[in-house]
Amino acid sequence: MLIYKIADETSWRTAVVDGAFVGSVDDRRDGFVHLSTAAQTRETAARHFAGRADLVLAAIDADALGTALRWEPSRGGALFPHCYGPLPMTAVCWWRPLPLGGDGVHAFADEIF
């Protein structure tokens, strides 16, 4: 199963070099790396990253996170994946820019949905 991380491109590129993503400011504050399912990703982008053009979307192999991955309730009781600890680049299947469309909404590739 693939789960997804939205991150700023600068931090993500640093993580690629370092071998792990230690999280955004919000992730570090909360004590885990926030992730989303494919069904949750668009709302996550709209809610937490509206208008930002400096982002990447990364697909993560959920099984590769092992016991660091926990499913916990969030928005309205929906279960969201959280990674407790650094997100290893070895778990990343792919990543790509997450551009804004002409309407100011993030343009996701249809194949992830």
PDB file of N, CA and C in Angstrom:
ATOM      1  N   MET A   1       0.847  -1.182   0.000  1.00  0.00           N
ATOM      2  CA  MET A   1       0.000   0.000   0.000  1.00  0.00           C
ATOM      3  C   MET A   1       0.886   1.237   0.000  1.00  0.00           C
ATOM      4  N   LEU A   2       0.524   2.204  -0.831  1.00  0.00           N
ATOM      5  CA  LEU A   2       1.244   3.467  -0.847  1.00  0.00           C
ATOM      6  C   LEU A   2       0.514   4.492   0.018  1.00  0.00           C
ATOM      7  N   ILE A   3       1.290   5.255   0.755  1.00  0.00           N
ATOM      8  CA  ILE A   3       0.806   6.419   1.495  1.00  0.00           C
ATOM      9  C   ILE A   3       1.661   7.588   1.035  1.00  0.00           C
ATOM     10  N   TYR A   4       1.278   8.805   1.378  1.00  0.00           N
ATOM     11  CA  TYR A   4       1.892   9.972   0.762  1.00  0.00           C
ATOM     12  C   TYR A   4       2.332  11.019   1.782  1.00  0.00           C
ATOM     13  N   LYS A   5       3.407  11.721   1.408  1.00  0.00           N
ATOM     14  CA  LYS A   5       3.915  12.849   2.188  1.00  0.00           C
ATOM     15  C   LYS A   5       4.002  14.050   1.278  1.00  0.00           C
ATOM     16  N   ILE A   6       3.486  15.170   1.738  1.00  0.00           N
ATOM     17  CA  ILE A   6       3.669  16.457   1.074  1.00  0.00           C
ATOM     18  C   ILE A   6       4.696  17.217   1.896  1.00  0.00           C
ATOM     19  N   ALA A   7       5.716  17.725   1.224  1.00  0.00           N
ATOM     20  CA  ALA A   7       6.788  18.432   1.934  1.00  0.00           C
ATOM     21  C   ALA A   7       7.317  19.559   1.064  1.00  0.00           C
ATOM     22  N   ASP A   8       7.970  20.533   1.701  1.00  0.00           N
ATOM     23  CA  ASP A   8       8.596  21.580   0.903  1.00  0.00           C
ATOM     24  C   ASP A   8       9.826  20.992   0.204  1.00  0.00           C
ATOM     25  N   GLU A   9      10.052  21.461  -1.006  1.00  0.00           N
ATOM     26  CA  GLU A   9      11.095  20.876  -1.858  1.00  0.00           C
ATOM     27  C   GLU A   9      12.489  20.986  -1.251  1.00  0.00           C
ATOM     28  N   THR A  10      12.806  22.082  -0.619  1.00  0.00           N
ATOM     29  CA  THR A  10      14.134  22.256  -0.032  1.00  0.00           C
ATOM     30  C   THR A  10      14.400  21.222   1.055  1.00  0.00           C
ATOM     31  N   SER A  11      13.457  21.053   1.971  1.00  0.00           N
ATOM     32  CA  SER A  11      13.617  20.062   3.039  1.00  0.00           C
ATOM     33  C   SER A  11      13.694  18.653   2.468  1.00  0.00           C
ATOM     34  N   TRP A  12      12.884  18.388   1.447  1.00  0.00           N
ATOM     35  CA  TRP A  12      12.869  17.050   0.860  1.00  0.00           C
ATOM     36  C   TRP A  12      14.205  16.733   0.190  1.00  0.00           C
ATOM     37  N   ARG A  13      14.743  17.681  -0.552  1.00  0.00           N
ATOM     38  CA  ARG A  13      16.033  17.448  -1.217  1.00  0.00           C
ATOM     39  C   ARG A  13      17.144  17.213  -0.184  1.00  0.00           C
ATOM     40  N   THR A  14      17.081  17.905   0.928  1.00  0.00           N
ATOM     41  CA  THR A  14      18.035  17.663   2.020  1.00  0.00           C
ATOM     42  C   THR A  14      17.875  16.243   2.549  1.00  0.00           C
ATOM     43  N   ALA A  15      16.641  15.811   2.707  1.00  0.00           N
ATOM     44  CA  ALA A  15      16.370  14.459   3.201  1.00  0.00           C
ATOM     45  C   ALA A  15      16.908  13.395   2.245  1.00  0.00           C
ATOM     46  N   VAL A  16      16.777  13.639   0.956  1.00  0.00           N
ATOM     47  CA  VAL A  16      17.286  12.685  -0.034  1.00  0.00           C
ATOM     48  C   VAL A  16      18.795  12.509   0.149  1.00  0.00           C
ATOM     49  N   VAL A  17      19.494  13.600   0.339  1.00  0.00           N
ATOM     50  CA  VAL A  17      20.948  13.543   0.552  1.00  0.00           C
ATOM     51  C   VAL A  17      21.272  12.867   1.886  1.00  0.00           C
ATOM     52  N   ASP A  18      20.515  13.187   2.928  1.00  0.00           N
ATOM     53  CA  ASP A  18      20.761  12.651   4.272  1.00  0.00           C
ATOM     54  C   ASP A  18      20.281  11.212   4.450  1.00  0.00           C
ATOM     55  N   GLY A  19      19.379  10.761   3.591  1.00  0.00           N
ATOM     56  CA  GLY A  19      18.869   9.394   3.689  1.00  0.00           C
ATOM     57  C   GLY A  19      17.591   9.239   4.484  1.00  0.00           C
ATOM     58  N   ALA A  20      17.087  10.332   5.062  1.00  0.00           N
ATOM     59  CA  ALA A  20      15.841  10.268   5.837  1.00  0.00           C
ATOM     60  C   ALA A  20      15.239  11.661   5.963  1.00  0.00           C
ATOM     61  N   PHE A  21      13.912  11.708   6.009  1.00  0.00           N
ATOM     62  CA  PHE A  21      13.180  12.952   6.234  1.00  0.00           C
ATOM     63  C   PHE A  21      12.813  13.003   7.708  1.00  0.00           C
ATOM     64  N   VAL A  22      13.319  14.016   8.411  1.00  0.00           N
ATOM     65  CA  VAL A  22      13.074  14.108   9.854  1.00  0.00           C
ATOM     66  C   VAL A  22      11.793  14.859  10.178  1.00  0.00           C
ATOM     67  N   GLY A  23      11.156  15.408   9.157  1.00  0.00           N
ATOM     68  CA  GLY A  23       9.869  16.056   9.363  1.00  0.00           C
ATOM     69  C   GLY A  23       9.918  17.563   9.216  1.00  0.00           C
ATOM     70  N   SER A  24       8.735  18.107   8.970  1.00  0.00           N
ATOM     71  CA  SER A  24       8.558  19.557   8.912  1.00  0.00           C
ATOM     72  C   SER A  24       8.539  20.110  10.334  1.00  0.00           C
ATOM     73  N   VAL A  25       8.437  21.395  10.456  1.00  0.00           N
ATOM     74  CA  VAL A  25       8.299  22.022  11.773  1.00  0.00           C
ATOM     75  C   VAL A  25       7.076  21.443  12.488  1.00  0.00           C
ATOM     76  N   ASP A  26       5.964  21.311  11.765  1.00  0.00           N
ATOM     77  CA  ASP A  26       4.748  20.755  12.364  1.00  0.00           C
ATOM     78  C   ASP A  26       4.934  19.296  12.765  1.00  0.00           C
ATOM     79  N   ASP A  27       5.597  18.519  11.903  1.00  0.00           N
ATOM     80  CA  ASP A  27       5.854  17.111  12.229  1.00  0.00           C
ATOM     81  C   ASP A  27       6.671  16.998  13.514  1.00  0.00           C
ATOM     82  N   ARG A  28       7.734  17.764  13.585  1.00  0.00           N
ATOM     83  CA  ARG A  28       8.610  17.692  14.768  1.00  0.00           C
ATOM     84  C   ARG A  28       7.875  18.153  16.025  1.00  0.00           C
ATOM     85  N   ARG A  29       7.030  19.163  15.895  1.00  0.00           N
ATOM     86  CA  ARG A  29       6.225  19.632  17.033  1.00  0.00           C
ATOM     87  C   ARG A  29       5.296  18.526  17.529  1.00  0.00           C
ATOM     88  N   ASP A  30       4.692  17.804  16.591  1.00  0.00           N
ATOM     89  CA  ASP A  30       3.714  16.770  16.949  1.00  0.00           C
ATOM     90  C   ASP A  30       4.361  15.436  17.314  1.00  0.00           C
ATOM     91  N   GLY A  31       5.638  15.262  17.011  1.00  0.00           N
ATOM     92  CA  GLY A  31       6.352  14.044  17.388  1.00  0.00           C
ATOM     93  C   GLY A  31       6.248  12.900  16.399  1.00  0.00           C
ATOM     94  N   PHE A  32       5.753  13.181  15.192  1.00  0.00           N
ATOM     95  CA  PHE A  32       5.657  12.169  14.142  1.00  0.00           C
ATOM     96  C   PHE A  32       5.551  12.856  12.790  1.00  0.00           C
ATOM     97  N   VAL A  33       5.853  12.113  11.733  1.00  0.00           N
ATOM     98  CA  VAL A  33       5.724  12.624  10.375  1.00  0.00           C
ATOM     99  C   VAL A  33       4.294  12.359   9.912  1.00  0.00           C
ATOM    100  N   HIS A  34       3.581  13.433   9.585  1.00  0.00           N
ATOM    101  CA  HIS A  34       2.207  13.334   9.087  1.00  0.00           C
ATOM    102  C   HIS A  34       2.214  12.780   7.669  1.00  0.00           C
ATOM    103  N   LEU A  35       1.396  11.774   7.424  1.00  0.00           N
ATOM    104  CA  LEU A  35       1.247  11.167   6.113  1.00  0.00           C
ATOM    105  C   LEU A  35      -0.236  11.108   5.780  1.00  0.00           C
ATOM    106  N   SER A  36      -0.547  10.774   4.541  1.00  0.00           N
ATOM    107  CA  SER A  36      -1.946  10.668   4.104  1.00  0.00           C
ATOM    108  C   SER A  36      -2.110   9.485   3.173  1.00  0.00           C
ATOM    109  N   THR A  37      -3.329   8.958   3.132  1.00  0.00           N
ATOM    110  CA  THR A  37      -3.671   7.978   2.113  1.00  0.00           C
ATOM    111  C   THR A  37      -3.939   8.735   0.814  1.00  0.00           C
ATOM    112  N   ALA A  38      -4.081   8.011  -0.286  1.00  0.00           N
ATOM    113  CA  ALA A  38      -4.419   8.657  -1.556  1.00  0.00           C
ATOM    114  C   ALA A  38      -5.720   9.440  -1.432  1.00  0.00           C
ATOM    115  N   ALA A  39      -6.696   8.869  -0.749  1.00  0.00           N
ATOM    116  CA  ALA A  39      -7.998   9.527  -0.600  1.00  0.00           C
ATOM    117  C   ALA A  39      -7.919  10.791   0.257  1.00  0.00           C
ATOM    118  N   GLN A  40      -6.930  10.894   1.116  1.00  0.00           N
ATOM    119  CA  GLN A  40      -6.798  12.040   2.026  1.00  0.00           C
ATOM    120  C   GLN A  40      -5.875  13.130   1.500  1.00  0.00           C
ATOM    121  N   THR A  41      -5.098  12.830   0.468  1.00  0.00           N
ATOM    122  CA  THR A  41      -4.012  13.709   0.050  1.00  0.00           C
ATOM    123  C   THR A  41      -4.495  15.064  -0.472  1.00  0.00           C
ATOM    124  N   ARG A  42      -5.511  15.081  -1.296  1.00  0.00           N
ATOM    125  CA  ARG A  42      -6.013  16.364  -1.831  1.00  0.00           C
ATOM    126  C   ARG A  42      -6.478  17.290  -0.698  1.00  0.00           C
ATOM    127  N   GLU A  43      -7.217  16.747   0.248  1.00  0.00           N
ATOM    128  CA  GLU A  43      -7.697  17.577   1.363  1.00  0.00           C
ATOM    129  C   GLU A  43      -6.530  18.058   2.225  1.00  0.00           C
ATOM    130  N   THR A  44      -5.532  17.199   2.431  1.00  0.00           N
ATOM    131  CA  THR A  44      -4.350  17.603   3.192  1.00  0.00           C
ATOM    132  C   THR A  44      -3.671  18.780   2.505  1.00  0.00           C
ATOM    133  N   ALA A  45      -3.510  18.699   1.193  1.00  0.00           N
ATOM    134  CA  ALA A  45      -2.878  19.794   0.448  1.00  0.00           C
ATOM    135  C   ALA A  45      -3.685  21.082   0.578  1.00  0.00           C
ATOM    136  N   ALA A  46      -4.991  20.985   0.413  1.00  0.00           N
ATOM    137  CA  ALA A  46      -5.845  22.170   0.479  1.00  0.00           C
ATOM    138  C   ALA A  46      -5.864  22.784   1.870  1.00  0.00           C
ATOM    139  N   ARG A  47      -5.877  21.947   2.882  1.00  0.00           N
ATOM    140  CA  ARG A  47      -6.004  22.407   4.264  1.00  0.00           C
ATOM    141  C   ARG A  47      -4.706  22.971   4.836  1.00  0.00           C
ATOM    142  N   HIS A  48      -3.599  22.319   4.517  1.00  0.00           N
ATOM    143  CA  HIS A  48      -2.338  22.661   5.174  1.00  0.00           C
ATOM    144  C   HIS A  48      -1.282  23.292   4.267  1.00  0.00           C
ATOM    145  N   PHE A  49      -1.503  23.256   2.951  1.00  0.00           N
ATOM    146  CA  PHE A  49      -0.489  23.752   2.018  1.00  0.00           C
ATOM    147  C   PHE A  49      -1.083  24.658   0.941  1.00  0.00           C
ATOM    148  N   ALA A  50      -2.249  25.232   1.184  1.00  0.00           N
ATOM    149  CA  ALA A  50      -2.938  26.049   0.190  1.00  0.00           C
ATOM    150  C   ALA A  50      -2.030  27.153  -0.355  1.00  0.00           C
ATOM    151  N   GLY A  51      -1.989  27.250  -1.677  1.00  0.00           N
ATOM    152  CA  GLY A  51      -1.256  28.314  -2.341  1.00  0.00           C
ATOM    153  C   GLY A  51       0.245  28.128  -2.421  1.00  0.00           C
ATOM    154  N   ARG A  52       0.775  27.086  -1.828  1.00  0.00           N
ATOM    155  CA  ARG A  52       2.234  26.877  -1.835  1.00  0.00           C
ATOM    156  C   ARG A  52       2.666  26.156  -3.101  1.00  0.00           C
ATOM    157  N   ALA A  53       3.644  26.739  -3.768  1.00  0.00           N
ATOM    158  CA  ALA A  53       4.129  26.184  -5.031  1.00  0.00           C
ATOM    159  C   ALA A  53       5.469  25.477  -4.869  1.00  0.00           C
ATOM    160  N   ASP A  54       6.019  25.441  -3.681  1.00  0.00           N
ATOM    161  CA  ASP A  54       7.368  24.900  -3.445  1.00  0.00           C
ATOM    162  C   ASP A  54       7.327  23.488  -2.871  1.00  0.00           C
ATOM    163  N   LEU A  55       6.376  22.667  -3.324  1.00  0.00           N
ATOM    164  CA  LEU A  55       6.122  21.385  -2.674  1.00  0.00           C
ATOM    165  C   LEU A  55       6.493  20.193  -3.550  1.00  0.00           C
ATOM    166  N   VAL A  56       6.685  19.063  -2.881  1.00  0.00           N
ATOM    167  CA  VAL A  56       6.814  17.776  -3.551  1.00  0.00           C
ATOM    168  C   VAL A  56       5.800  16.823  -2.934  1.00  0.00           C
ATOM    169  N   LEU A  57       5.443  15.826  -3.713  1.00  0.00           N
ATOM    170  CA  LEU A  57       4.595  14.736  -3.256  1.00  0.00           C
ATOM    171  C   LEU A  57       5.435  13.471  -3.338  1.00  0.00           C
ATOM    172  N   ALA A  58       5.509  12.739  -2.246  1.00  0.00           N
ATOM    173  CA  ALA A  58       6.280  11.500  -2.201  1.00  0.00           C
ATOM    174  C   ALA A  58       5.358  10.334  -1.899  1.00  0.00           C
ATOM    175  N   ALA A  59       5.554   9.235  -2.619  1.00  0.00           N
ATOM    176  CA  ALA A  59       4.826   7.993  -2.382  1.00  0.00           C
ATOM    177  C   ALA A  59       5.696   7.086  -1.527  1.00  0.00           C
ATOM    178  N   ILE A  60       5.125   6.608  -0.440  1.00  0.00           N
ATOM    179  CA  ILE A  60       5.847   5.824   0.554  1.00  0.00           C
ATOM    180  C   ILE A  60       5.254   4.412   0.616  1.00  0.00           C
ATOM    181  N   ASP A  61       6.116   3.408   0.647  1.00  0.00           N
ATOM    182  CA  ASP A  61       5.674   2.026   0.849  1.00  0.00           C
ATOM    183  C   ASP A  61       5.365   1.864   2.333  1.00  0.00           C
ATOM    184  N   ALA A  62       4.084   1.763   2.655  1.00  0.00           N
ATOM    185  CA  ALA A  62       3.659   1.687   4.063  1.00  0.00           C
ATOM    186  C   ALA A  62       4.318   0.512   4.778  1.00  0.00           C
ATOM    187  N   ASP A  63       4.416  -0.629   4.125  1.00  0.00           N
ATOM    188  CA  ASP A  63       5.008  -1.816   4.763  1.00  0.00           C
ATOM    189  C   ASP A  63       6.471  -1.600   5.132  1.00  0.00           C
ATOM    190  N   ALA A  64       7.168  -0.789   4.364  1.00  0.00           N
ATOM    191  CA  ALA A  64       8.596  -0.549   4.607  1.00  0.00           C
ATOM    192  C   ALA A  64       8.841   0.246   5.891  1.00  0.00           C
ATOM    193  N   LEU A  65       7.794   0.878   6.433  1.00  0.00           N
ATOM    194  CA  LEU A  65       7.961   1.654   7.663  1.00  0.00           C
ATOM    195  C   LEU A  65       7.882   0.780   8.912  1.00  0.00           C
ATOM    196  N   GLY A  66       7.390  -0.434   8.750  1.00  0.00           N
ATOM    197  CA  GLY A  66       7.337  -1.372   9.878  1.00  0.00           C
ATOM    198  C   GLY A  66       6.570  -0.811  11.060  1.00  0.00           C
ATOM    199  N   THR A  67       7.129  -0.999  12.250  1.00  0.00           N
ATOM    200  CA  THR A  67       6.437  -0.591  13.478  1.00  0.00           C
ATOM    201  C   THR A  67       6.452   0.923  13.698  1.00  0.00           C
ATOM    202  N   ALA A  68       7.214   1.665  12.890  1.00  0.00           N
ATOM    203  CA  ALA A  68       7.207   3.130  12.998  1.00  0.00           C
ATOM    204  C   ALA A  68       5.893   3.718  12.497  1.00  0.00           C
ATOM    205  N   LEU A  69       5.135   2.957  11.691  1.00  0.00           N
ATOM    206  CA  LEU A  69       3.871   3.432  11.139  1.00  0.00           C
ATOM    207  C   LEU A  69       2.724   3.086  12.081  1.00  0.00           C
ATOM    208  N   ARG A  70       1.955   4.129  12.413  1.00  0.00           N
ATOM    209  CA  ARG A  70       0.752   3.945  13.232  1.00  0.00           C
ATOM    210  C   ARG A  70      -0.409   4.660  12.548  1.00  0.00           C
ATOM    211  N   TRP A  71      -1.575   4.045  12.630  1.00  0.00           N
ATOM    212  CA  TRP A  71      -2.793   4.641  12.088  1.00  0.00           C
ATOM    213  C   TRP A  71      -3.571   5.227  13.264  1.00  0.00           C
ATOM    214  N   GLU A  72      -3.772   6.547  13.200  1.00  0.00           N
ATOM    215  CA  GLU A  72      -4.395   7.241  14.330  1.00  0.00           C
ATOM    216  C   GLU A  72      -5.507   8.163  13.854  1.00  0.00           C
ATOM    217  N   PRO A  73      -6.539   8.331  14.689  1.00  0.00           N
ATOM    218  CA  PRO A  73      -7.661   9.188  14.292  1.00  0.00           C
ATOM    219  C   PRO A  73      -7.263  10.659  14.247  1.00  0.00           C
ATOM    220  N   SER A  74      -7.850  11.336  13.277  1.00  0.00           N
ATOM    221  CA  SER A  74      -7.640  12.771  13.136  1.00  0.00           C
ATOM    222  C   SER A  74      -8.967  13.370  12.707  1.00  0.00           C
ATOM    223  N   ARG A  75      -8.966  14.162  11.632  1.00  0.00           N
ATOM    224  CA  ARG A  75     -10.170  14.843  11.151  1.00  0.00           C
ATOM    225  C   ARG A  75     -11.424  13.991  11.228  1.00  0.00           C
ATOM    226  N   GLY A  76     -12.303  14.337  12.073  1.00  0.00           N
ATOM    227  CA  GLY A  76     -13.585  13.660  12.147  1.00  0.00           C
ATOM    228  C   GLY A  76     -13.484  12.170  12.426  1.00  0.00           C
ATOM    229  N   GLY A  77     -12.389  11.744  13.054  1.00  0.00           N
ATOM    230  CA  GLY A  77     -12.229  10.336  13.385  1.00  0.00           C
ATOM    231  C   GLY A  77     -11.583   9.493  12.302  1.00  0.00           C
ATOM    232  N   ALA A  78     -11.286  10.076  11.138  1.00  0.00           N
ATOM    233  CA  ALA A  78     -10.628   9.321  10.067  1.00  0.00           C
ATOM    234  C   ALA A  78      -9.231   8.907  10.517  1.00  0.00           C
ATOM    235  N   LEU A  79      -8.822   7.708  10.136  1.00  0.00           N
ATOM    236  CA  LEU A  79      -7.489   7.230  10.484  1.00  0.00           C
ATOM    237  C   LEU A  79      -6.463   7.748   9.484  1.00  0.00           C
ATOM    238  N   PHE A  80      -5.412   8.346  10.010  1.00  0.00           N
ATOM    239  CA  PHE A  80      -4.312   8.858   9.196  1.00  0.00           C
ATOM    240  C   PHE A  80      -3.038   8.112   9.552  1.00  0.00           C
ATOM    241  N   PRO A  81      -2.182   7.865   8.557  1.00  0.00           N
ATOM    242  CA  PRO A  81      -0.899   7.228   8.840  1.00  0.00           C
ATOM    243  C   PRO A  81       0.090   8.241   9.407  1.00  0.00           C
ATOM    244  N   HIS A  82       0.792   7.833  10.446  1.00  0.00           N
ATOM    245  CA  HIS A  82       1.825   8.665  11.075  1.00  0.00           C
ATOM    246  C   HIS A  82       3.088   7.829  11.212  1.00  0.00           C
ATOM    247  N   CYS A  83       4.221   8.422  10.899  1.00  0.00           N
ATOM    248  CA  CYS A  83       5.506   7.738  11.034  1.00  0.00           C
ATOM    249  C   CYS A  83       6.227   8.290  12.256  1.00  0.00           C
ATOM    250  N   TYR A  84       6.433   7.431  13.237  1.00  0.00           N
ATOM    251  CA  TYR A  84       7.136   7.823  14.452  1.00  0.00           C
ATOM    252  C   TYR A  84       8.614   7.546  14.260  1.00  0.00           C
ATOM    253  N   GLY A  85       9.347   8.610  14.021  1.00  0.00           N
ATOM    254  CA  GLY A  85      10.772   8.526  13.731  1.00  0.00           C
ATOM    255  C   GLY A  85      11.027   9.075  12.338  1.00  0.00           C
ATOM    256  N   PRO A  86      12.293   9.186  11.966  1.00  0.00           N
ATOM    257  CA  PRO A  86      12.623   9.679  10.625  1.00  0.00           C
ATOM    258  C   PRO A  86      12.036   8.772   9.541  1.00  0.00           C
ATOM    259  N   LEU A  87      11.608   9.369   8.460  1.00  0.00           N
ATOM    260  CA  LEU A  87      11.066   8.650   7.320  1.00  0.00           C
ATOM    261  C   LEU A  87      12.237   8.274   6.402  1.00  0.00           C
ATOM    262  N   PRO A  88      12.590   6.985   6.337  1.00  0.00           N
ATOM    263  CA  PRO A  88      13.766   6.593   5.558  1.00  0.00           C
ATOM    264  C   PRO A  88      13.520   6.695   4.054  1.00  0.00           C
ATOM    265  N   MET A  89      14.486   7.197   3.340  1.00  0.00           N
ATOM    266  CA  MET A  89      14.363   7.307   1.891  1.00  0.00           C
ATOM    267  C   MET A  89      14.244   5.930   1.236  1.00  0.00           C
ATOM    268  N   THR A  90      14.669   4.883   1.916  1.00  0.00           N
ATOM    269  CA  THR A  90      14.526   3.529   1.373  1.00  0.00           C
ATOM    270  C   THR A  90      13.066   3.116   1.271  1.00  0.00           C
ATOM    271  N   ALA A  91      12.171   3.792   1.990  1.00  0.00           N
ATOM    272  CA  ALA A  91      10.735   3.502   1.928  1.00  0.00           C
ATOM    273  C   ALA A  91      10.035   4.309   0.839  1.00  0.00           C
ATOM    274  N   VAL A  92      10.730   5.253   0.224  1.00  0.00           N
ATOM    275  CA  VAL A  92      10.138   6.133  -0.784  1.00  0.00           C
ATOM    276  C   VAL A  92      10.167   5.448  -2.148  1.00  0.00           C
ATOM    277  N   CYS A  93       9.002   5.294  -2.748  1.00  0.00           N
ATOM    278  CA  CYS A  93       8.897   4.671  -4.076  1.00  0.00           C
ATOM    279  C   CYS A  93       9.164   5.682  -5.186  1.00  0.00           C
ATOM    280  N   TRP A  94       8.662   6.896  -5.009  1.00  0.00           N
ATOM    281  CA  TRP A  94       8.910   7.974  -5.955  1.00  0.00           C
ATOM    282  C   TRP A  94       8.536   9.302  -5.296  1.00  0.00           C
ATOM    283  N   TRP A  95       9.038  10.367  -5.890  1.00  0.00           N
ATOM    284  CA  TRP A  95       8.631  11.707  -5.486  1.00  0.00           C
ATOM    285  C   TRP A  95       8.701  12.604  -6.705  1.00  0.00           C
ATOM    286  N   ARG A  96       7.871  13.632  -6.681  1.00  0.00           N
ATOM    287  CA  ARG A  96       7.829  14.572  -7.804  1.00  0.00           C
ATOM    288  C   ARG A  96       7.286  15.911  -7.330  1.00  0.00           C
ATOM    289  N   PRO A  97       7.522  16.966  -8.104  1.00  0.00           N
ATOM    290  CA  PRO A  97       6.947  18.261  -7.734  1.00  0.00           C
ATOM    291  C   PRO A  97       5.426  18.192  -7.664  1.00  0.00           C
ATOM    292  N   LEU A  98       4.870  19.002  -6.785  1.00  0.00           N
ATOM    293  CA  LEU A  98       3.420  19.120  -6.657  1.00  0.00           C
ATOM    294  C   LEU A  98       3.049  20.556  -7.025  1.00  0.00           C
ATOM    295  N   PRO A  99       2.825  20.788  -8.314  1.00  0.00           N
ATOM    296  CA  PRO A  99       2.597  22.163  -8.780  1.00  0.00           C
ATOM    297  C   PRO A  99       1.194  22.664  -8.463  1.00  0.00           C
ATOM    298  N   LEU A 100       1.083  23.971  -8.532  1.00  0.00           N
ATOM    299  CA  LEU A 100      -0.238  24.601  -8.461  1.00  0.00           C
ATOM    300  C   LEU A 100      -0.794  24.700  -9.866  1.00  0.00           C
ATOM    301  N   GLY A 101      -2.076  24.413 -10.009  1.00  0.00           N
ATOM    302  CA  GLY A 101      -2.739  24.595 -11.293  1.00  0.00           C
ATOM    303  C   GLY A 101      -3.083  26.067 -11.498  1.00  0.00           C
ATOM    304  N   GLY A 102      -3.569  26.378 -12.648  1.00  0.00           N
ATOM    305  CA  GLY A 102      -3.962  27.752 -12.967  1.00  0.00           C
ATOM    306  C   GLY A 102      -5.031  28.298 -12.046  1.00  0.00           C
ATOM    307  N   ASP A 103      -5.773  27.403 -11.412  1.00  0.00           N
ATOM    308  CA  ASP A 103      -6.828  27.810 -10.480  1.00  0.00           C
ATOM    309  C   ASP A 103      -6.317  27.972  -9.048  1.00  0.00           C
ATOM    310  N   GLY A 104      -4.995  27.771  -8.853  1.00  0.00           N
ATOM    311  CA  GLY A 104      -4.410  27.923  -7.521  1.00  0.00           C
ATOM    312  C   GLY A 104      -4.532  26.689  -6.647  1.00  0.00           C
ATOM    313  N   VAL A 105      -5.073  25.603  -7.197  1.00  0.00           N
ATOM    314  CA  VAL A 105      -5.228  24.341  -6.476  1.00  0.00           C
ATOM    315  C   VAL A 105      -4.119  23.399  -6.937  1.00  0.00           C
ATOM    316  N   HIS A 106      -3.594  22.608  -6.032  1.00  0.00           N
ATOM    317  CA  HIS A 106      -2.519  21.686  -6.391  1.00  0.00           C
ATOM    318  C   HIS A 106      -2.982  20.698  -7.458  1.00  0.00           C
ATOM    319  N   ALA A 107      -2.116  20.494  -8.433  1.00  0.00           N
ATOM    320  CA  ALA A 107      -2.410  19.614  -9.575  1.00  0.00           C
ATOM    321  C   ALA A 107      -1.787  18.246  -9.323  1.00  0.00           C
ATOM    322  N   PHE A 108      -2.602  17.303  -8.904  1.00  0.00           N
ATOM    323  CA  PHE A 108      -2.151  15.943  -8.636  1.00  0.00           C
ATOM    324  C   PHE A 108      -2.212  15.112  -9.906  1.00  0.00           C
ATOM    325  N   ALA A 109      -1.262  14.210 -10.055  1.00  0.00           N
ATOM    326  CA  ALA A 109      -1.322  13.246 -11.154  1.00  0.00           C
ATOM    327  C   ALA A 109      -2.454  12.270 -10.850  1.00  0.00           C
ATOM    328  N   ASP A 110      -3.259  11.996 -11.821  1.00  0.00           N
ATOM    329  CA  ASP A 110      -4.421  11.132 -11.607  1.00  0.00           C
ATOM    330  C   ASP A 110      -4.076   9.718 -11.205  1.00  0.00           C
ATOM    331  N   GLU A 111      -2.873   9.241 -11.534  1.00  0.00           N
ATOM    332  CA  GLU A 111      -2.560   7.836 -11.264  1.00  0.00           C
ATOM    333  C   GLU A 111      -2.472   7.498  -9.788  1.00  0.00           C
ATOM    334  N   ILE A 112      -2.354   8.483  -8.892  1.00  0.00           N
ATOM    335  CA  ILE A 112      -2.287   8.128  -7.474  1.00  0.00           C
ATOM    336  C   ILE A 112      -3.681   7.928  -6.868  1.00  0.00           C
ATOM    337  N   PHE A 113      -4.699   8.304  -7.587  1.00  0.00           N
ATOM    338  CA  PHE A 113      -6.046   8.192  -7.045  1.00  0.00           C
ATOM    339  C   PHE A 113      -6.741   7.080  -7.731  1.00  0.00           C
TER     340      PHE A 113
END
